[in-house]
PDB file of N, CA and C in Angstrom:
ATOM      1  N   UNK A   1       0.836  -1.175   0.000  1.00  0.00           N
ATOM      2  CA  UNK A   1       0.000   0.000   0.000  1.00  0.00           C
ATOM      3  C   UNK A   1       0.880   1.237   0.000  1.00  0.00           C
ATOM      4  N   UNK A   2       0.437   2.248  -0.702  1.00  0.00           N
ATOM      5  CA  UNK A   2       1.202   3.486  -0.756  1.00  0.00           C
ATOM      6  C   UNK A   2       0.316   4.641  -0.310  1.00  0.00           C
ATOM      7  N   UNK A   3       0.798   5.414   0.660  1.00  0.00           N
ATOM      8  CA  UNK A   3       0.093   6.596   1.138  1.00  0.00           C
ATOM      9  C   UNK A   3       1.027   7.773   1.000  1.00  0.00           C
ATOM     10  N   UNK A   4       0.620   8.774   0.254  1.00  0.00           N
ATOM     11  CA  UNK A   4       1.423   9.983   0.031  1.00  0.00           C
ATOM     12  C   UNK A   4       2.847   9.653  -0.421  1.00  0.00           C
ATOM     13  N   UNK A   5       3.004   8.672  -1.296  1.00  0.00           N
ATOM     14  CA  UNK A   5       4.314   8.319  -1.813  1.00  0.00           C
ATOM     15  C   UNK A   5       5.174   7.503  -0.875  1.00  0.00           C
ATOM     16  N   UNK A   6       4.685   7.192   0.316  1.00  0.00           N
ATOM     17  CA  UNK A   6       5.447   6.443   1.317  1.00  0.00           C
ATOM     18  C   UNK A   6       5.010   4.983   1.268  1.00  0.00           C
ATOM     19  N   UNK A   7       5.951   4.065   1.168  1.00  0.00           N
ATOM     20  CA  UNK A   7       5.597   2.645   1.122  1.00  0.00           C
ATOM     21  C   UNK A   7       5.922   1.908   2.420  1.00  0.00           C
ATOM     22  N   UNK A   8       6.342   2.607   3.458  1.00  0.00           N
ATOM     23  CA  UNK A   8       6.617   1.983   4.753  1.00  0.00           C
ATOM     24  C   UNK A   8       5.279   1.593   5.392  1.00  0.00           C
ATOM     25  N   UNK A   9       5.102   0.306   5.688  1.00  0.00           N
ATOM     26  CA  UNK A   9       3.824  -0.192   6.198  1.00  0.00           C
ATOM     27  C   UNK A   9       3.380   0.480   7.486  1.00  0.00           C
ATOM     28  N   UNK A  10       4.274   0.636   8.461  1.00  0.00           N
ATOM     29  CA  UNK A  10       3.903   1.262   9.735  1.00  0.00           C
ATOM     30  C   UNK A  10       3.461   2.701   9.533  1.00  0.00           C
ATOM     31  N   UNK A  11       4.187   3.447   8.718  1.00  0.00           N
ATOM     32  CA  UNK A  11       3.801   4.832   8.428  1.00  0.00           C
ATOM     33  C   UNK A  11       2.454   4.890   7.727  1.00  0.00           C
ATOM     34  N   UNK A  12       2.252   3.974   6.799  1.00  0.00           N
ATOM     35  CA  UNK A  12       0.972   3.927   6.087  1.00  0.00           C
ATOM     36  C   UNK A  12      -0.174   3.627   7.032  1.00  0.00           C
ATOM     37  N   UNK A  13       0.035   2.670   7.922  1.00  0.00           N
ATOM     38  CA  UNK A  13      -1.004   2.312   8.878  1.00  0.00           C
ATOM     39  C   UNK A  13      -1.337   3.499   9.766  1.00  0.00           C
ATOM     40  N   UNK A  14      -0.335   4.204  10.258  1.00  0.00           N
ATOM     41  CA  UNK A  14      -0.562   5.388  11.082  1.00  0.00           C
ATOM     42  C   UNK A  14      -1.304   6.468  10.311  1.00  0.00           C
ATOM     43  N   UNK A  15      -1.042   6.588   9.012  1.00  0.00           N
ATOM     44  CA  UNK A  15      -1.687   7.611   8.202  1.00  0.00           C
ATOM     45  C   UNK A  15      -3.181   7.360   8.042  1.00  0.00           C
ATOM     46  N   UNK A  16      -3.583   6.105   7.975  1.00  0.00           N
ATOM     47  CA  UNK A  16      -4.992   5.784   7.756  1.00  0.00           C
ATOM     48  C   UNK A  16      -5.728   5.347   9.023  1.00  0.00           C
ATOM     49  N   UNK A  17      -5.000   5.017  10.086  1.00  0.00           N
ATOM     50  CA  UNK A  17      -5.623   4.558  11.334  1.00  0.00           C
ATOM     51  C   UNK A  17      -4.842   5.141  12.499  1.00  0.00           C
ATOM     52  N   UNK A  18      -5.378   6.180  13.103  1.00  0.00           N
ATOM     53  CA  UNK A  18      -4.627   6.882  14.139  1.00  0.00           C
ATOM     54  C   UNK A  18      -5.039   6.522  15.561  1.00  0.00           C
ATOM     55  N   UNK A  19      -6.007   5.625  15.737  1.00  0.00           N
ATOM     56  CA  UNK A  19      -6.400   5.214  17.086  1.00  0.00           C
ATOM     57  C   UNK A  19      -5.346   4.296  17.693  1.00  0.00           C
ATOM     58  N   UNK A  20      -5.330   4.172  19.021  1.00  0.00           N
ATOM     59  CA  UNK A  20      -4.333   3.295  19.665  1.00  0.00           C
ATOM     60  C   UNK A  20      -4.497   1.842  19.232  1.00  0.00           C
ATOM     61  N   UNK A  21      -3.374   1.124  19.191  1.00  0.00           N
ATOM     62  CA  UNK A  21      -3.363  -0.292  18.849  1.00  0.00           C
ATOM     63  C   UNK A  21      -2.658  -1.059  19.973  1.00  0.00           C
ATOM     64  N   UNK A  22      -2.988  -2.337  20.101  1.00  0.00           N
ATOM     65  CA  UNK A  22      -2.442  -3.158  21.188  1.00  0.00           C
ATOM     66  C   UNK A  22      -1.017  -3.593  20.889  1.00  0.00           C
ATOM     67  N   UNK A  23      -0.180  -2.654  20.482  1.00  0.00           N
ATOM     68  CA  UNK A  23       1.182  -3.019  20.099  1.00  0.00           C
ATOM     69  C   UNK A  23       2.208  -2.716  21.183  1.00  0.00           C
ATOM     70  N   UNK A  24       1.779  -2.138  22.311  1.00  0.00           N
ATOM     71  CA  UNK A  24       2.727  -1.892  23.397  1.00  0.00           C
ATOM     72  C   UNK A  24       2.070  -2.231  24.734  1.00  0.00           C
ATOM     73  N   UNK A  25       2.880  -2.332  25.763  1.00  0.00           N
ATOM     74  CA  UNK A  25       2.399  -2.775  27.081  1.00  0.00           C
ATOM     75  C   UNK A  25       1.377  -1.814  27.670  1.00  0.00           C
ATOM     76  N   UNK A  26       1.551  -0.513  27.454  1.00  0.00           N
ATOM     77  CA  UNK A  26       0.614   0.474  28.004  1.00  0.00           C
ATOM     78  C   UNK A  26      -0.771   0.294  27.407  1.00  0.00           C
ATOM     79  N   UNK A  27      -0.818   0.174  26.098  1.00  0.00           N
ATOM     80  CA  UNK A  27      -2.113   0.003  25.435  1.00  0.00           C
ATOM     81  C   UNK A  27      -2.714  -1.355  25.765  1.00  0.00           C
ATOM     82  N   UNK A  28      -1.894  -2.377  25.872  1.00  0.00           N
ATOM     83  CA  UNK A  28      -2.392  -3.711  26.255  1.00  0.00           C
ATOM     84  C   UNK A  28      -3.027  -3.654  27.644  1.00  0.00           C
ATOM     85  N   UNK A  29      -2.383  -2.941  28.576  1.00  0.00           N
ATOM     86  CA  UNK A  29      -2.943  -2.790  29.917  1.00  0.00           C
ATOM     87  C   UNK A  29      -4.267  -2.056  29.908  1.00  0.00           C
ATOM     88  N   UNK A  30      -4.377  -1.022  29.070  1.00  0.00           N
ATOM     89  CA  UNK A  30      -5.626  -0.271  28.970  1.00  0.00           C
ATOM     90  C   UNK A  30      -6.733  -1.160  28.402  1.00  0.00           C
ATOM     91  N   UNK A  31      -6.398  -1.940  27.382  1.00  0.00           N
ATOM     92  CA  UNK A  31      -7.391  -2.841  26.802  1.00  0.00           C
ATOM     93  C   UNK A  31      -7.815  -3.928  27.787  1.00  0.00           C
ATOM     94  N   UNK A  32      -6.875  -4.437  28.580  1.00  0.00           N
ATOM     95  CA  UNK A  32      -7.208  -5.430  29.614  1.00  0.00           C
ATOM     96  C   UNK A  32      -8.187  -4.841  30.629  1.00  0.00           C
ATOM     97  N   UNK A  33      -7.913  -3.607  31.074  1.00  0.00           N
ATOM     98  CA  UNK A  33      -8.787  -2.945  32.053  1.00  0.00           C
ATOM     99  C   UNK A  33     -10.170  -2.694  31.449  1.00  0.00           C
ATOM    100  N   UNK A  34     -10.212  -2.273  30.193  1.00  0.00           N
ATOM    101  CA  UNK A  34     -11.498  -2.036  29.524  1.00  0.00           C
ATOM    102  C   UNK A  34     -12.295  -3.336  29.429  1.00  0.00           C
ATOM    103  N   UNK A  35     -11.624  -4.434  29.095  1.00  0.00           N
ATOM    104  CA  UNK A  35     -12.288  -5.735  28.998  1.00  0.00           C
ATOM    105  C   UNK A  35     -12.901  -6.122  30.341  1.00  0.00           C
ATOM    106  N   UNK A  36     -12.130  -5.962  31.415  1.00  0.00           N
ATOM    107  CA  UNK A  36     -12.638  -6.303  32.755  1.00  0.00           C
ATOM    108  C   UNK A  36     -13.817  -5.413  33.133  1.00  0.00           C
ATOM    109  N   UNK A  37     -13.737  -4.122  32.811  1.00  0.00           N
ATOM    110  CA  UNK A  37     -14.833  -3.200  33.110  1.00  0.00           C
ATOM    111  C   UNK A  37     -16.108  -3.540  32.353  1.00  0.00           C
ATOM    112  N   UNK A  38     -15.966  -3.885  31.082  1.00  0.00           N
ATOM    113  CA  UNK A  38     -17.137  -4.278  30.297  1.00  0.00           C
ATOM    114  C   UNK A  38     -17.748  -5.572  30.813  1.00  0.00           C
ATOM    115  N   UNK A  39     -16.894  -6.517  31.227  1.00  0.00           N
ATOM    116  CA  UNK A  39     -17.420  -7.767  31.779  1.00  0.00           C
ATOM    117  C   UNK A  39     -18.208  -7.509  33.060  1.00  0.00           C
ATOM    118  N   UNK A  40     -17.721  -6.597  33.891  1.00  0.00           N
ATOM    119  CA  UNK A  40     -18.443  -6.265  35.122  1.00  0.00           C
ATOM    120  C   UNK A  40     -19.779  -5.597  34.810  1.00  0.00           C
ATOM    121  N   UNK A  41     -19.769  -4.661  33.863  1.00  0.00           N
ATOM    122  CA  UNK A  41     -21.009  -3.951  33.558  1.00  0.00           C
ATOM    123  C   UNK A  41     -22.039  -4.854  32.870  1.00  0.00           C
ATOM    124  N   UNK A  42     -21.584  -5.788  32.060  1.00  0.00           N
ATOM    125  CA  UNK A  42     -22.494  -6.733  31.395  1.00  0.00           C
ATOM    126  C   UNK A  42     -22.818  -7.945  32.267  1.00  0.00           C
ATOM    127  N   UNK A  43     -22.058  -8.103  33.354  1.00  0.00           N
ATOM    128  CA  UNK A  43     -22.160  -9.276  34.229  1.00  0.00           C
ATOM    129  C   UNK A  43     -21.817 -10.555  33.462  1.00  0.00           C
ATOM    130  N   UNK A  44     -20.835 -10.447  32.582  1.00  0.00           N
ATOM    131  CA  UNK A  44     -20.393 -11.588  31.803  1.00  0.00           C
ATOM    132  C   UNK A  44     -19.779 -11.136  30.492  1.00  0.00           C
ATOM    133  N   UNK A  45     -19.576 -12.073  29.598  1.00  0.00           N
ATOM    134  CA  UNK A  45     -18.933 -11.789  28.321  1.00  0.00           C
ATOM    135  C   UNK A  45     -19.886 -11.266  27.254  1.00  0.00           C
ATOM    136  N   UNK A  46     -21.178 -11.526  27.387  1.00  0.00           N
ATOM    137  CA  UNK A  46     -22.118 -11.217  26.321  1.00  0.00           C
ATOM    138  C   UNK A  46     -23.526 -11.103  26.876  1.00  0.00           C
ATOM    139  N   UNK A  47     -24.385 -10.524  26.059  1.00  0.00           N
ATOM    140  CA  UNK A  47     -25.790 -10.393  26.380  1.00  0.00           C
ATOM    141  C   UNK A  47     -26.578 -10.370  25.081  1.00  0.00           C
ATOM    142  N   UNK A  48     -27.725 -10.931  25.010  1.00  0.00           N
ATOM    143  CA  UNK A  48     -28.478 -11.698  25.997  1.00  0.00           C
ATOM    144  C   UNK A  48     -27.931 -13.126  26.112  1.00  0.00           C
ATOM    145  N   UNK A  49     -27.726 -13.551  27.316  1.00  0.00           N
ATOM    146  CA  UNK A  49     -27.063 -14.819  27.603  1.00  0.00           C
ATOM    147  C   UNK A  49     -27.762 -16.002  26.939  1.00  0.00           C
ATOM    148  N   UNK A  50     -29.072 -16.100  27.083  1.00  0.00           N
ATOM    149  CA  UNK A  50     -29.782 -17.268  26.553  1.00  0.00           C
ATOM    150  C   UNK A  50     -29.690 -17.363  25.033  1.00  0.00           C
ATOM    151  N   UNK A  51     -29.769 -16.252  24.339  1.00  0.00           N
ATOM    152  CA  UNK A  51     -29.706 -16.282  22.870  1.00  0.00           C
ATOM    153  C   UNK A  51     -28.300 -16.619  22.371  1.00  0.00           C
ATOM    154  N   UNK A  52     -27.279 -16.098  23.048  1.00  0.00           N
ATOM    155  CA  UNK A  52     -25.903 -16.386  22.640  1.00  0.00           C
ATOM    156  C   UNK A  52     -25.584 -17.858  22.902  1.00  0.00           C
ATOM    157  N   UNK A  53     -25.962 -18.353  24.061  1.00  0.00           N
ATOM    158  CA  UNK A  53     -25.712 -19.776  24.364  1.00  0.00           C
ATOM    159  C   UNK A  53     -26.446 -20.691  23.388  1.00  0.00           C
ATOM    160  N   UNK A  54     -27.653 -20.332  23.017  1.00  0.00           N
ATOM    161  CA  UNK A  54     -28.408 -21.132  22.049  1.00  0.00           C
ATOM    162  C   UNK A  54     -27.713 -21.120  20.685  1.00  0.00           C
ATOM    163  N   UNK A  55     -27.261 -19.959  20.253  1.00  0.00           N
ATOM    164  CA  UNK A  55     -26.600 -19.837  18.947  1.00  0.00           C
ATOM    165  C   UNK A  55     -25.273 -20.588  18.907  1.00  0.00           C
ATOM    166  N   UNK A  56     -24.590 -20.682  20.048  1.00  0.00           N
ATOM    167  CA  UNK A  56     -23.259 -21.298  20.093  1.00  0.00           C
ATOM    168  C   UNK A  56     -23.249 -22.683  20.724  1.00  0.00           C
ATOM    169  N   UNK A  57     -24.410 -23.273  20.877  1.00  0.00           N
ATOM    170  CA  UNK A  57     -24.509 -24.603  21.496  1.00  0.00           C
ATOM    171  C   UNK A  57     -23.788 -25.649  20.652  1.00  0.00           C
ATOM    172  N   UNK A  58     -23.411 -26.748  21.292  1.00  0.00           N
ATOM    173  CA  UNK A  58     -22.836 -27.903  20.607  1.00  0.00           C
ATOM    174  C   UNK A  58     -23.949 -28.525  19.768  1.00  0.00           C
ATOM    175  N   UNK A  59     -23.705 -28.697  18.504  1.00  0.00           N
ATOM    176  CA  UNK A  59     -24.750 -29.159  17.590  1.00  0.00           C
ATOM    177  C   UNK A  59     -24.641 -30.650  17.313  1.00  0.00           C
ATOM    178  N   UNK A  60     -25.788 -31.308  17.274  1.00  0.00           N
ATOM    179  CA  UNK A  60     -25.835 -32.743  17.019  1.00  0.00           C
ATOM    180  C   UNK A  60     -25.458 -33.093  15.588  1.00  0.00           C
ATOM    181  N   UNK A  61     -25.676 -32.167  14.645  1.00  0.00           N
ATOM    182  CA  UNK A  61     -25.385 -32.451  13.237  1.00  0.00           C
ATOM    183  C   UNK A  61     -23.910 -32.281  12.883  1.00  0.00           C
ATOM    184  N   UNK A  62     -23.088 -31.917  13.877  1.00  0.00           N
ATOM    185  CA  UNK A  62     -21.657 -31.802  13.657  1.00  0.00           C
ATOM    186  C   UNK A  62     -21.180 -30.450  13.168  1.00  0.00           C
ATOM    187  N   UNK A  63     -22.117 -29.550  12.807  1.00  0.00           N
ATOM    188  CA  UNK A  63     -21.695 -28.217  12.368  1.00  0.00           C
ATOM    189  C   UNK A  63     -21.059 -27.477  13.544  1.00  0.00           C
ATOM    190  N   UNK A  64     -19.972 -26.801  13.269  1.00  0.00           N
ATOM    191  CA  UNK A  64     -19.228 -26.094  14.309  1.00  0.00           C
ATOM    192  C   UNK A  64     -19.669 -24.630  14.359  1.00  0.00           C
ATOM    193  N   UNK A  65     -20.167 -24.173  15.525  1.00  0.00           N
ATOM    194  CA  UNK A  65     -20.507 -22.752  15.621  1.00  0.00           C
ATOM    195  C   UNK A  65     -19.243 -21.908  15.530  1.00  0.00           C
ATOM    196  N   UNK A  66     -19.400 -20.666  15.099  1.00  0.00           N
ATOM    197  CA  UNK A  66     -18.238 -19.797  14.906  1.00  0.00           C
ATOM    198  C   UNK A  66     -18.465 -18.435  15.553  1.00  0.00           C
ATOM    199  N   UNK A  67     -17.362 -17.860  16.030  1.00  0.00           N
ATOM    200  CA  UNK A  67     -17.372 -16.545  16.671  1.00  0.00           C
ATOM    201  C   UNK A  67     -16.329 -15.698  15.961  1.00  0.00           C
ATOM    202  N   UNK A  68     -16.723 -14.499  15.532  1.00  0.00           N
ATOM    203  CA  UNK A  68     -15.810 -13.573  14.873  1.00  0.00           C
ATOM    204  C   UNK A  68     -15.691 -12.308  15.715  1.00  0.00           C
ATOM    205  N   UNK A  69     -14.469 -11.947  16.083  1.00  0.00           N
ATOM    206  CA  UNK A  69     -14.198 -10.736  16.846  1.00  0.00           C
ATOM    207  C   UNK A  69     -13.386  -9.793  15.961  1.00  0.00           C
ATOM    208  N   UNK A  70     -14.049  -8.827  15.340  1.00  0.00           N
ATOM    209  CA  UNK A  70     -13.390  -7.871  14.452  1.00  0.00           C
ATOM    210  C   UNK A  70     -12.856  -6.717  15.299  1.00  0.00           C
ATOM    211  N   UNK A  71     -11.574  -6.400  15.137  1.00  0.00           N
ATOM    212  CA  UNK A  71     -10.941  -5.381  15.976  1.00  0.00           C
ATOM    213  C   UNK A  71     -10.686  -5.948  17.365  1.00  0.00           C
ATOM    214  N   UNK A  72     -10.132  -7.139  17.406  1.00  0.00           N
ATOM    215  CA  UNK A  72      -9.988  -7.883  18.661  1.00  0.00           C
ATOM    216  C   UNK A  72      -9.056  -7.236  19.676  1.00  0.00           C
ATOM    217  N   UNK A  73      -8.210  -6.305  19.222  1.00  0.00           N
ATOM    218  CA  UNK A  73      -7.303  -5.625  20.158  1.00  0.00           C
ATOM    219  C   UNK A  73      -6.350  -6.609  20.792  1.00  0.00           C
ATOM    220  N   UNK A  74      -6.402  -6.709  22.099  1.00  0.00           N
ATOM    221  CA  UNK A  74      -5.520  -7.611  22.833  1.00  0.00           C
ATOM    222  C   UNK A  74      -5.987  -9.065  22.777  1.00  0.00           C
ATOM    223  N   UNK A  75      -7.197  -9.299  22.311  1.00  0.00           N
ATOM    224  CA  UNK A  75      -7.704 -10.663  22.156  1.00  0.00           C
ATOM    225  C   UNK A  75      -8.380 -11.242  23.381  1.00  0.00           C
ATOM    226  N   UNK A  76      -8.589 -10.441  24.423  1.00  0.00           N
ATOM    227  CA  UNK A  76      -9.161 -10.954  25.671  1.00  0.00           C
ATOM    228  C   UNK A  76     -10.532 -11.593  25.480  1.00  0.00           C
ATOM    229  N   UNK A  77     -11.426 -10.889  24.776  1.00  0.00           N
ATOM    230  CA  UNK A  77     -12.785 -11.392  24.611  1.00  0.00           C
ATOM    231  C   UNK A  77     -12.777 -12.687  23.800  1.00  0.00           C
ATOM    232  N   UNK A  78     -12.016 -12.716  22.723  1.00  0.00           N
ATOM    233  CA  UNK A  78     -11.944 -13.923  21.897  1.00  0.00           C
ATOM    234  C   UNK A  78     -11.400 -15.098  22.709  1.00  0.00           C
ATOM    235  N   UNK A  79     -10.371 -14.857  23.514  1.00  0.00           N
ATOM    236  CA  UNK A  79      -9.824 -15.928  24.360  1.00  0.00           C
ATOM    237  C   UNK A  79     -10.855 -16.438  25.347  1.00  0.00           C
ATOM    238  N   UNK A  80     -11.557 -15.518  26.009  1.00  0.00           N
ATOM    239  CA  UNK A  80     -12.562 -15.920  26.998  1.00  0.00           C
ATOM    240  C   UNK A  80     -13.719 -16.676  26.351  1.00  0.00           C
ATOM    241  N   UNK A  81     -14.125 -16.240  25.160  1.00  0.00           N
ATOM    242  CA  UNK A  81     -15.199 -16.951  24.455  1.00  0.00           C
ATOM    243  C   UNK A  81     -14.738 -18.347  24.047  1.00  0.00           C
ATOM    244  N   UNK A  82     -13.480 -18.486  23.635  1.00  0.00           N
ATOM    245  CA  UNK A  82     -12.947 -19.796  23.270  1.00  0.00           C
ATOM    246  C   UNK A  82     -12.919 -20.732  24.480  1.00  0.00           C
ATOM    247  N   UNK A  83     -12.645 -20.185  25.648  1.00  0.00           N
ATOM    248  CA  UNK A  83     -12.663 -21.015  26.863  1.00  0.00           C
ATOM    249  C   UNK A  83     -14.086 -21.443  27.215  1.00  0.00           C
ATOM    250  N   UNK A  84     -15.040 -20.523  27.057  1.00  0.00           N
ATOM    251  CA  UNK A  84     -16.426 -20.837  27.406  1.00  0.00           C
ATOM    252  C   UNK A  84     -17.082 -21.780  26.391  1.00  0.00           C
ATOM    253  N   UNK A  85     -16.690 -21.643  25.133  1.00  0.00           N
ATOM    254  CA  UNK A  85     -17.267 -22.462  24.066  1.00  0.00           C
ATOM    255  C   UNK A  85     -16.139 -23.195  23.331  1.00  0.00           C
ATOM    256  N   UNK A  86     -15.525 -24.194  23.977  1.00  0.00           N
ATOM    257  CA  UNK A  86     -14.366 -24.864  23.388  1.00  0.00           C
ATOM    258  C   UNK A  86     -14.685 -25.617  22.094  1.00  0.00           C
ATOM    259  N   UNK A  87     -15.938 -25.891  21.847  1.00  0.00           N
ATOM    260  CA  UNK A  87     -16.356 -26.581  20.628  1.00  0.00           C
ATOM    261  C   UNK A  87     -16.542 -25.616  19.452  1.00  0.00           C
ATOM    262  N   UNK A  88     -16.475 -24.310  19.702  1.00  0.00           N
ATOM    263  CA  UNK A  88     -16.687 -23.309  18.655  1.00  0.00           C
ATOM    264  C   UNK A  88     -15.361 -22.885  18.035  1.00  0.00           C
ATOM    265  N   UNK A  89     -15.442 -22.468  16.784  1.00  0.00           N
ATOM    266  CA  UNK A  89     -14.281 -21.900  16.104  1.00  0.00           C
ATOM    267  C   UNK A  89     -14.294 -20.398  16.400  1.00  0.00           C
ATOM    268  N   UNK A  90     -13.183 -19.879  16.936  1.00  0.00           N
ATOM    269  CA  UNK A  90     -13.100 -18.464  17.302  1.00  0.00           C
ATOM    270  C   UNK A  90     -12.003 -17.810  16.472  1.00  0.00           C
ATOM    271  N   UNK A  91     -12.346 -16.698  15.836  1.00  0.00           N
ATOM    272  CA  UNK A  91     -11.388 -15.948  15.040  1.00  0.00           C
ATOM    273  C   UNK A  91     -11.410 -14.495  15.488  1.00  0.00           C
ATOM    274  N   UNK A  92     -10.249 -14.001  15.926  1.00  0.00           N
ATOM    275  CA  UNK A  92     -10.102 -12.602  16.282  1.00  0.00           C
ATOM    276  C   UNK A  92      -9.134 -11.961  15.303  1.00  0.00           C
ATOM    277  N   UNK A  93      -9.548 -10.859  14.693  1.00  0.00           N
ATOM    278  CA  UNK A  93      -8.668 -10.178  13.739  1.00  0.00           C
ATOM    279  C   UNK A  93      -8.443  -8.737  14.173  1.00  0.00           C
ATOM    280  N   UNK A  94      -7.239  -8.246  13.892  1.00  0.00           N
ATOM    281  CA  UNK A  94      -6.896  -6.883  14.251  1.00  0.00           C
ATOM    282  C   UNK A  94      -5.776  -6.406  13.317  1.00  0.00           C
ATOM    283  N   UNK A  95      -5.473  -5.116  13.378  1.00  0.00           N
ATOM    284  CA  UNK A  95      -4.396  -4.558  12.573  1.00  0.00           C
ATOM    285  C   UNK A  95      -3.041  -5.072  13.008  1.00  0.00           C
ATOM    286  N   UNK A  96      -2.892  -5.356  14.285  1.00  0.00           N
ATOM    287  CA  UNK A  96      -1.634  -5.862  14.839  1.00  0.00           C
ATOM    288  C   UNK A  96      -1.765  -7.337  15.154  1.00  0.00           C
ATOM    289  N   UNK A  97      -0.683  -8.087  15.074  1.00  0.00           N
ATOM    290  CA  UNK A  97      -0.728  -9.495  15.482  1.00  0.00           C
ATOM    291  C   UNK A  97      -1.123  -9.598  16.960  1.00  0.00           C
ATOM    292  N   UNK A  98      -1.879 -10.619  17.283  1.00  0.00           N
ATOM    293  CA  UNK A  98      -2.334 -10.843  18.655  1.00  0.00           C
ATOM    294  C   UNK A  98      -1.584 -12.033  19.217  1.00  0.00           C
ATOM    295  N   UNK A  99      -1.029 -11.874  20.426  1.00  0.00           N
ATOM    296  CA  UNK A  99      -0.344 -12.971  21.103  1.00  0.00           C
ATOM    297  C   UNK A  99      -1.334 -13.631  22.049  1.00  0.00           C
ATOM    298  N   UNK A 100      -1.747 -14.827  21.730  1.00  0.00           N
ATOM    299  CA  UNK A 100      -2.723 -15.559  22.531  1.00  0.00           C
ATOM    300  C   UNK A 100      -1.998 -16.388  23.567  1.00  0.00           C
ATOM    301  N   UNK A 101      -2.474 -16.290  24.815  1.00  0.00           N
ATOM    302  CA  UNK A 101      -1.876 -17.095  25.872  1.00  0.00           C
ATOM    303  C   UNK A 101      -2.428 -18.509  25.790  1.00  0.00           C
ATOM    304  N   UNK A 102      -1.735 -19.454  26.390  1.00  0.00           N
ATOM    305  CA  UNK A 102      -2.165 -20.862  26.326  1.00  0.00           C
ATOM    306  C   UNK A 102      -3.305 -21.121  27.249  1.00  0.00           C
TER     307      UNK A 102
END
């Protein structure tokens, strides 16, 4: 990609996306705190609980439910959803690579 004649990827990304990204420890800490705050305010990972659980239930026909987290940031929500629904396929995408813990 080229922005204003510059082909450096990081510069290009900054030119078109100026919001913070989970690429440093400070921003990762802020995203972790935001995730915890949202979980407290929602009283969990998602709402409405019954509809989400129904949509992501283990299916008898073998089809695998899927979860997509666009703009996953630090990946906290995607990781937590993968733990809660281990039978589901979870994909988190972001501008920066995400380091998933084991």
